[in-house]
C-alpha atoms as a PDB file:
ATOM      1  CA  ALA A   1       1.290  -5.491  31.796  1.00  0.00           C
ATOM      2  CA  MET A   2       4.278  -5.330  30.017  1.00  0.00           C
ATOM      3  CA  ALA A   3       4.736  -3.226  26.853  1.00  0.00           C
ATOM      4  CA  GLN A   4       4.743  -5.473  24.054  1.00  0.00           C
ATOM      5  CA  HIS A   5       5.107  -2.529  21.085  1.00  0.00           C
ATOM      6  CA  LEU A   6       7.199  -0.320  23.172  1.00  0.00           C
ATOM      7  CA  PHE A   7      10.968  -0.724  23.522  1.00  0.00           C
ATOM      8  CA  GLY A   8      13.413   1.284  25.140  1.00  0.00           C
ATOM      9  CA  PRO A   9      13.845   4.099  25.829  1.00  0.00           C
ATOM     10  CA  VAL A  10      17.511   3.369  24.347  1.00  0.00           C
ATOM     11  CA  PRO A  11      20.462   5.961  24.517  1.00  0.00           C
ATOM     12  CA  SER A  12      20.911   6.611  20.526  1.00  0.00           C
ATOM     13  CA  ARG A  13      23.866   8.220  19.201  1.00  0.00           C
ATOM     14  CA  ARG A  14      21.549   9.826  16.670  1.00  0.00           C
ATOM     15  CA  LEU A  15      18.404  10.736  18.606  1.00  0.00           C
ATOM     16  CA  GLY A  16      19.260  10.870  22.128  1.00  0.00           C
ATOM     17  CA  ILE A  17      16.914   9.015  24.349  1.00  0.00           C
ATOM     18  CA  SER A  18      14.557   7.587  22.154  1.00  0.00           C
ATOM     19  CA  LEU A  19      11.379   5.339  22.786  1.00  0.00           C
ATOM     20  CA  GLY A  20      10.609   2.735  20.201  1.00  0.00           C
ATOM     21  CA  VAL A  21       7.376   1.898  18.787  1.00  0.00           C
ATOM     22  CA  ASP A  22       7.052  -1.229  16.761  1.00  0.00           C
ATOM     23  CA  LEU A  23       4.043  -1.727  14.549  1.00  0.00           C
ATOM     24  CA  ILE A  24       5.123  -4.581  12.648  1.00  0.00           C
ATOM     25  CA  PRO A  25       5.573  -8.140  13.996  1.00  0.00           C
ATOM     26  CA  LYS A  26       8.834  -9.893  13.371  1.00  0.00           C
ATOM     27  CA  LYS A  27       9.562 -10.190  10.616  1.00  0.00           C
ATOM     28  CA  VAL A  28       6.982  -8.508   8.062  1.00  0.00           C
ATOM     29  CA  CYS A  29       8.690  -6.522   5.445  1.00  0.00           C
ATOM     30  CA  SER A  30       9.043  -5.109   1.710  1.00  0.00           C
ATOM     31  CA  LEU A  31      12.936  -6.225   1.915  1.00  0.00           C
ATOM     32  CA  ASP A  32      14.719  -9.126   2.467  1.00  0.00           C
ATOM     33  CA  CYS A  33      18.332  -7.480   2.900  1.00  0.00           C
ATOM     34  CA  ILE A  34      21.440  -9.879   3.458  1.00  0.00           C
ATOM     35  CA  TYR A  35      22.781  -7.649   6.338  1.00  0.00           C
ATOM     36  CA  CYS A  36      19.499  -7.589   8.283  1.00  0.00           C
ATOM     37  CA  GLU A  37      20.452  -8.057  12.061  1.00  0.00           C
ATOM     38  CA  VAL A  38      16.641  -8.707  13.019  1.00  0.00           C
ATOM     39  CA  GLY A  39      17.058 -11.860  10.656  1.00  0.00           C
ATOM     40  CA  LYS A  40      15.316 -13.201   7.782  1.00  0.00           C
ATOM     41  CA  THR A  41      11.808 -11.734   6.413  1.00  0.00           C
ATOM     42  CA  THR A  42       9.492 -14.493   7.166  1.00  0.00           C
ATOM     43  CA  GLY A  43       6.440 -11.996   5.557  1.00  0.00           C
ATOM     44  CA  LEU A  44       7.898 -10.548   1.937  1.00  0.00           C
ATOM     45  CA  THR A  45       4.832  -8.121   1.097  1.00  0.00           C
ATOM     46  CA  THR A  46       4.321  -4.633   0.451  1.00  0.00           C
ATOM     47  CA  GLU A  47       0.855  -4.931   1.588  1.00  0.00           C
ATOM     48  CA  ARG A  48      -0.298  -2.496   3.974  1.00  0.00           C
ATOM     49  CA  ARG A  49      -2.455  -3.573   7.324  1.00  0.00           C
ATOM     50  CA  GLU A  50      -3.205  -3.025  10.676  1.00  0.00           C
ATOM     51  CA  TYR A  51      -0.418  -5.779  11.684  1.00  0.00           C
ATOM     52  CA  VAL A  52      -0.384  -4.504  15.118  1.00  0.00           C
ATOM     53  CA  ALA A  53      -3.863  -3.113  16.430  1.00  0.00           C
ATOM     54  CA  PHE A  54      -3.666   0.781  17.142  1.00  0.00           C
ATOM     55  CA  ASP A  55      -5.889   0.490  20.264  1.00  0.00           C
ATOM     56  CA  ASP A  56      -3.293  -1.415  21.646  1.00  0.00           C
ATOM     57  CA  VAL A  57      -0.287   0.738  20.795  1.00  0.00           C
ATOM     58  CA  ALA A  58      -2.023   3.823  22.071  1.00  0.00           C
ATOM     59  CA  GLY A  59      -3.025   2.022  25.559  1.00  0.00           C
ATOM     60  CA  GLU A  60       0.618   1.475  25.695  1.00  0.00           C
ATOM     61  CA  LEU A  61       2.089   4.815  25.126  1.00  0.00           C
ATOM     62  CA  LEU A  62      -0.943   6.120  27.398  1.00  0.00           C
ATOM     63  CA  GLN A  63       0.558   4.140  30.080  1.00  0.00           C
ATOM     64  CA  TYR A  64       4.128   4.921  29.553  1.00  0.00           C
ATOM     65  CA  PHE A  65       3.401   8.633  29.143  1.00  0.00           C
ATOM     66  CA  ALA A  66       1.934   8.253  32.469  1.00  0.00           C
ATOM     67  CA  ASN A  67       4.763   6.669  34.583  1.00  0.00           C
ATOM     68  CA  HIS A  68       8.152   7.915  32.752  1.00  0.00           C
ATOM     69  CA  ASP A  69       9.808  10.973  31.842  1.00  0.00           C
ATOM     70  CA  ASP A  70       9.375  11.637  28.248  1.00  0.00           C
ATOM     71  CA  PRO A  71      12.385  10.552  26.179  1.00  0.00           C
ATOM     72  CA  ASP A  72      14.062  12.801  23.177  1.00  0.00           C
ATOM     73  CA  TYR A  73      12.449  10.976  20.486  1.00  0.00           C
ATOM     74  CA  ILE A  74       9.576   9.011  19.762  1.00  0.00           C
ATOM     75  CA  THR A  75      10.715   6.668  16.954  1.00  0.00           C
ATOM     76  CA  PHE A  76       8.697   3.795  14.905  1.00  0.00           C
ATOM     77  CA  SER A  77      11.445   1.345  14.031  1.00  0.00           C
ATOM     78  CA  GLY A  78      11.902  -2.627  15.142  1.00  0.00           C
ATOM     79  CA  SER A  79      11.074  -5.768  13.892  1.00  0.00           C
ATOM     80  CA  GLY A  80      10.012  -5.176  10.189  1.00  0.00           C
ATOM     81  CA  GLU A  81       8.786  -2.051   7.826  1.00  0.00           C
ATOM     82  CA  PRO A  82       6.849   0.548  10.121  1.00  0.00           C
ATOM     83  CA  THR A  83       5.071   2.058   7.011  1.00  0.00           C
ATOM     84  CA  LEU A  84       3.447  -1.288   6.171  1.00  0.00           C
ATOM     85  CA  ASN A  85       1.167  -0.573   9.068  1.00  0.00           C
ATOM     86  CA  SER A  86      -2.124   1.111   7.739  1.00  0.00           C
ATOM     87  CA  ARG A  87      -2.346   2.735  10.635  1.00  0.00           C
ATOM     88  CA  ILE A  88       1.297   4.865  11.036  1.00  0.00           C
ATOM     89  CA  GLY A  89      -0.583   7.899  10.510  1.00  0.00           C
ATOM     90  CA  ASP A  90      -2.875   7.799  12.998  1.00  0.00           C
ATOM     91  CA  VAL A  91      -0.110   6.499  15.765  1.00  0.00           C
ATOM     92  CA  ILE A  92       1.964   9.595  14.805  1.00  0.00           C
ATOM     93  CA  ALA A  93      -1.060  11.661  15.089  1.00  0.00           C
ATOM     94  CA  PHE A  94      -1.825  10.166  18.521  1.00  0.00           C
ATOM     95  CA  THR A  95       1.381  11.308  19.969  1.00  0.00           C
ATOM     96  CA  ARG A  96       1.234  14.572  18.787  1.00  0.00           C
ATOM     97  CA  ARG A  97      -1.837  15.127  20.373  1.00  0.00           C
ATOM     98  CA  HIS A  98      -0.696  13.563  23.662  1.00  0.00           C
ATOM     99  CA  LYS A  99       2.519  14.720  23.655  1.00  0.00           C
ATOM    100  CA  PRO A 100       3.358  17.956  21.090  1.00  0.00           C
ATOM    101  CA  GLY A 101       6.757  18.245  22.445  1.00  0.00           C
ATOM    102  CA  ILE A 102       8.287  15.129  21.498  1.00  0.00           C
ATOM    103  CA  PRO A 103       9.753  15.057  18.315  1.00  0.00           C
ATOM    104  CA  VAL A 104       8.791  12.030  16.055  1.00  0.00           C
ATOM    105  CA  ALA A 105      11.477  10.037  14.152  1.00  0.00           C
ATOM    106  CA  VAL A 106      10.691   7.253  11.242  1.00  0.00           C
ATOM    107  CA  LEU A 107      13.391   4.885  10.175  1.00  0.00           C
ATOM    108  CA  THR A 108      12.235   3.296   7.197  1.00  0.00           C
ATOM    109  CA  ASN A 109      13.719   1.279   4.474  1.00  0.00           C
ATOM    110  CA  GLY A 110      12.067   4.325   1.968  1.00  0.00           C
ATOM    111  CA  THR A 111      10.185   1.465  -0.458  1.00  0.00           C
ATOM    112  CA  LEU A 112       6.717   2.315   0.560  1.00  0.00           C
ATOM    113  CA  LEU A 113       7.322   6.285  -0.320  1.00  0.00           C
ATOM    114  CA  HIS A 114       6.060   6.264  -4.080  1.00  0.00           C
ATOM    115  CA  ASP A 115       2.603   5.083  -2.060  1.00  0.00           C
ATOM    116  CA  PRO A 116       1.118   8.998  -2.212  1.00  0.00           C
ATOM    117  CA  GLU A 117      -0.940   8.022   1.059  1.00  0.00           C
ATOM    118  CA  VAL A 118       2.070   6.823   2.785  1.00  0.00           C
ATOM    119  CA  ARG A 119       3.957  10.233   2.554  1.00  0.00           C
ATOM    120  CA  LYS A 120       0.989  11.889   3.578  1.00  0.00           C
ATOM    121  CA  GLU A 121       0.834   9.834   6.725  1.00  0.00           C
ATOM    122  CA  LEU A 122       4.887  10.732   7.315  1.00  0.00           C
ATOM    123  CA  VAL A 123       4.679  14.166   6.450  1.00  0.00           C
ATOM    124  CA  SER A 124       4.329  15.129  10.226  1.00  0.00           C
ATOM    125  CA  ALA A 125       6.480  13.390  11.588  1.00  0.00           C
ATOM    126  CA  ASP A 126      10.064  15.554  12.882  1.00  0.00           C
ATOM    127  CA  VAL A 127      12.980  13.259  11.190  1.00  0.00           C
ATOM    128  CA  VAL A 128      12.874  10.380   8.293  1.00  0.00           C
ATOM    129  CA  LEU A 129      15.628   8.118   8.136  1.00  0.00           C
ATOM    130  CA  PRO A 130      15.067   5.810   4.729  1.00  0.00           C
ATOM    131  CA  SER A 131      17.560   3.346   3.628  1.00  0.00           C
ATOM    132  CA  LEU A 132      18.934   3.286  -0.077  1.00  0.00           C
ATOM    133  CA  ASP A 133      21.742   0.751  -0.346  1.00  0.00           C
ATOM    134  CA  ALA A 134      21.388   0.777  -4.314  1.00  0.00           C
ATOM    135  CA  ALA A 135      20.772   3.181  -6.999  1.00  0.00           C
ATOM    136  CA  THR A 136      21.001   0.220  -9.764  1.00  0.00           C
ATOM    137  CA  GLU A 137      18.610  -2.578 -10.144  1.00  0.00           C
ATOM    138  CA  ALA A 138      21.219  -5.455 -10.253  1.00  0.00           C
ATOM    139  CA  THR A 139      22.648  -4.256  -6.812  1.00  0.00           C
ATOM    140  CA  PHE A 140      19.321  -3.633  -5.398  1.00  0.00           C
ATOM    141  CA  GLN A 141      18.063  -7.007  -5.981  1.00  0.00           C
ATOM    142  CA  LYS A 142      21.310  -8.760  -4.813  1.00  0.00           C
ATOM    143  CA  ILE A 143      21.715  -6.756  -1.450  1.00  0.00           C
ATOM    144  CA  ASN A 144      17.873  -5.685  -0.504  1.00  0.00           C
ATOM    145  CA  ARG A 145      15.925  -8.750  -2.167  1.00  0.00           C
ATOM    146  CA  PRO A 146      12.869  -6.833  -2.799  1.00  0.00           C
ATOM    147  CA  CYS A 147       9.223  -7.919  -2.877  1.00  0.00           C
ATOM    148  CA  ARG A 148       8.441  -8.470  -6.448  1.00  0.00           C
ATOM    149  CA  SER A 149       6.218  -5.667  -6.961  1.00  0.00           C
ATOM    150  CA  LEU A 150       9.336  -3.206  -6.086  1.00  0.00           C
ATOM    151  CA  ASP A 151      12.082  -1.671  -8.535  1.00  0.00           C
ATOM    152  CA  ILE A 152      14.757   0.737  -7.921  1.00  0.00           C
ATOM    153  CA  GLU A 153      13.407   3.485  -9.882  1.00  0.00           C
ATOM    154  CA  LYS A 154      10.383   3.287  -7.867  1.00  0.00           C
ATOM    155  CA  VAL A 155      11.955   3.516  -4.792  1.00  0.00           C
ATOM    156  CA  VAL A 156      14.287   6.583  -5.640  1.00  0.00           C
ATOM    157  CA  GLN A 157      11.241   8.289  -7.303  1.00  0.00           C
ATOM    158  CA  GLY A 158       9.212   7.596  -3.907  1.00  0.00           C
ATOM    159  CA  LEU A 159      12.075   9.477  -2.203  1.00  0.00           C
ATOM    160  CA  ILE A 160      12.132  12.400  -4.446  1.00  0.00           C
ATOM    161  CA  ASP A 161       8.586  12.996  -4.100  1.00  0.00           C
ATOM    162  CA  PHE A 162       9.056  12.817  -0.378  1.00  0.00           C
ATOM    163  CA  ARG A 163      11.675  15.235  -0.235  1.00  0.00           C
ATOM    164  CA  MET A 164       9.095  17.996  -2.131  1.00  0.00           C
ATOM    165  CA  GLU A 165       6.289  17.303   0.505  1.00  0.00           C
ATOM    166  CA  PHE A 166       8.216  16.662   3.792  1.00  0.00           C
ATOM    167  CA  ARG A 167       9.539  19.944   5.716  1.00  0.00           C
ATOM    168  CA  GLY A 168      11.377  18.110   8.198  1.00  0.00           C
ATOM    169  CA  LYS A 169      14.748  16.457   7.826  1.00  0.00           C
ATOM    170  CA  ILE A 170      15.608  13.687   5.995  1.00  0.00           C
ATOM    171  CA  TRP A 171      18.793  11.448   6.958  1.00  0.00           C
ATOM    172  CA  LEU A 172      19.548   8.922   4.573  1.00  0.00           C
ATOM    173  CA  GLU A 173      21.111   5.916   5.863  1.00  0.00           C
ATOM    174  CA  VAL A 174      23.444   3.967   2.963  1.00  0.00           C
ATOM    175  CA  PHE A 175      24.613   0.816   4.282  1.00  0.00           C
ATOM    176  CA  ILE A 176      28.142  -0.172   2.450  1.00  0.00           C
ATOM    177  CA  LEU A 177      28.841  -3.826   1.698  1.00  0.00           C
ATOM    178  CA  PRO A 178      32.400  -4.392   0.226  1.00  0.00           C
ATOM    179  CA  GLY A 179      32.067  -6.257  -3.160  1.00  0.00           C
ATOM    180  CA  TYR A 180      28.090  -5.558  -3.145  1.00  0.00           C
ATOM    181  CA  ASN A 181      27.850  -1.916  -3.484  1.00  0.00           C
ATOM    182  CA  ASP A 182      31.285  -0.311  -3.446  1.00  0.00           C
ATOM    183  CA  ASP A 183      32.537  -0.227  -6.834  1.00  0.00           C
ATOM    184  CA  LYS A 184      32.556   2.807  -8.900  1.00  0.00           C
ATOM    185  CA  ALA A 185      29.753   2.175 -11.013  1.00  0.00           C
ATOM    186  CA  ASP A 186      27.213   1.588  -7.952  1.00  0.00           C
ATOM    187  CA  LEU A 187      28.665   4.867  -6.224  1.00  0.00           C
ATOM    188  CA  GLU A 188      28.412   6.795  -8.912  1.00  0.00           C
ATOM    189  CA  ALA A 189      24.709   5.334  -9.570  1.00  0.00           C
ATOM    190  CA  LEU A 190      24.057   6.203  -5.637  1.00  0.00           C
ATOM    191  CA  ARG A 191      25.400   9.704  -5.819  1.00  0.00           C
ATOM    192  CA  SER A 192      23.374  10.880  -8.619  1.00  0.00           C
ATOM    193  CA  ALA A 193      20.503   9.300  -7.106  1.00  0.00           C
ATOM    194  CA  ILE A 194      21.451  11.007  -3.600  1.00  0.00           C
ATOM    195  CA  GLY A 195      21.697  14.248  -5.688  1.00  0.00           C
ATOM    196  CA  ARG A 196      17.954  13.900  -7.095  1.00  0.00           C
ATOM    197  CA  ILE A 197      16.853  13.073  -3.275  1.00  0.00           C
ATOM    198  CA  ARG A 198      18.369  16.020  -1.626  1.00  0.00           C
ATOM    199  CA  PRO A 199      18.709  14.723   2.156  1.00  0.00           C
ATOM    200  CA  ASP A 200      19.714  16.705   4.903  1.00  0.00           C
ATOM    201  CA  ARG A 201      22.413  14.266   5.506  1.00  0.00           C
ATOM    202  CA  ILE A 202      23.979  11.210   4.541  1.00  0.00           C
ATOM    203  CA  GLN A 203      25.135   8.530   7.139  1.00  0.00           C
ATOM    204  CA  LEU A 204      27.301   5.579   5.883  1.00  0.00           C
ATOM    205  CA  ASN A 205      26.604   2.373   8.330  1.00  0.00           C
ATOM    206  CA  THR A 206      27.876  -1.077   7.773  1.00  0.00           C
ATOM    207  CA  LEU A 207      27.864  -4.480   9.365  1.00  0.00           C
ATOM    208  CA  ASP A 208      27.788  -4.515  13.317  1.00  0.00           C
ATOM    209  CA  ARG A 209      26.252  -7.965  13.707  1.00  0.00           C
ATOM    210  CA  PRO A 210      26.189 -10.853  11.397  1.00  0.00           C
ATOM    211  CA  GLY A 211      23.911 -10.624   8.962  1.00  0.00           C
ATOM    212  CA  THR A 212      21.615 -13.192   7.186  1.00  0.00           C
ATOM    213  CA  VAL A 213      24.120 -14.498   4.935  1.00  0.00           C
ATOM    214  CA  ALA A 214      27.554 -15.787   5.279  1.00  0.00           C
ATOM    215  CA  GLY A 215      30.393 -14.232   3.856  1.00  0.00           C
ATOM    216  CA  ILE A 216      29.391 -10.679   3.788  1.00  0.00           C
ATOM    217  CA  ARG A 217      31.792  -8.453   5.969  1.00  0.00           C
ATOM    218  CA  ALA A 218      32.125  -4.969   7.775  1.00  0.00           C
ATOM    219  CA  ALA A 219      33.406  -2.124   5.490  1.00  0.00           C
ATOM    220  CA  THR A 220      36.746  -0.796   7.451  1.00  0.00           C
ATOM    221  CA  SER A 221      37.209   2.871   8.529  1.00  0.00           C
ATOM    222  CA  GLU A 222      39.297   3.347   5.463  1.00  0.00           C
ATOM    223  CA  GLU A 223      36.598   1.781   2.823  1.00  0.00           C
ATOM    224  CA  LEU A 224      33.988   4.168   4.399  1.00  0.00           C
ATOM    225  CA  ALA A 225      36.256   7.329   3.896  1.00  0.00           C
END
């Protein structure tokens, strides 16, 4: 049978050959970002559930491991926010048990890291790539259109707390949208928040494919510089 919850392996600039694991149906997320390439969020929520059954994913992973070369990374990402799956910690533990040699990466919007349980479940990953596009509430609302239960200070504090507990690498992704988060006040707020979070790396991204909202454009390389 075709795997429903695995994708790739795909060559990735940052992670080499990466096998994707998608634990969330399209498109359940805690944010509805105006630049999202997956599309509009249809289930805006911070509620954690077993959206995709653990047993299904475990079975697909075993099948994959039995029939393919090991990828460079196993990467949790895909159609929604992976930390919304209440069993992500169990799936990470499962891959660790069966393939202790393959490092684990988690692409997350970082909004659930204020939950101690989520931090505990991600602590055994090797690399966590959270997003932070804004450090002021107004810009957070404008770009990320969060679930009502979230505010930017809670999100930033979650990232700071995770940094204290996590021994792996944090590569923070900042998506630059001209006219939205590139003025002096926004950049200074971001710089200050990043100083408190202390990621190992900061990766600047910009629009690659059309987002969900008209009239947004990619930053030029000069703007990114």
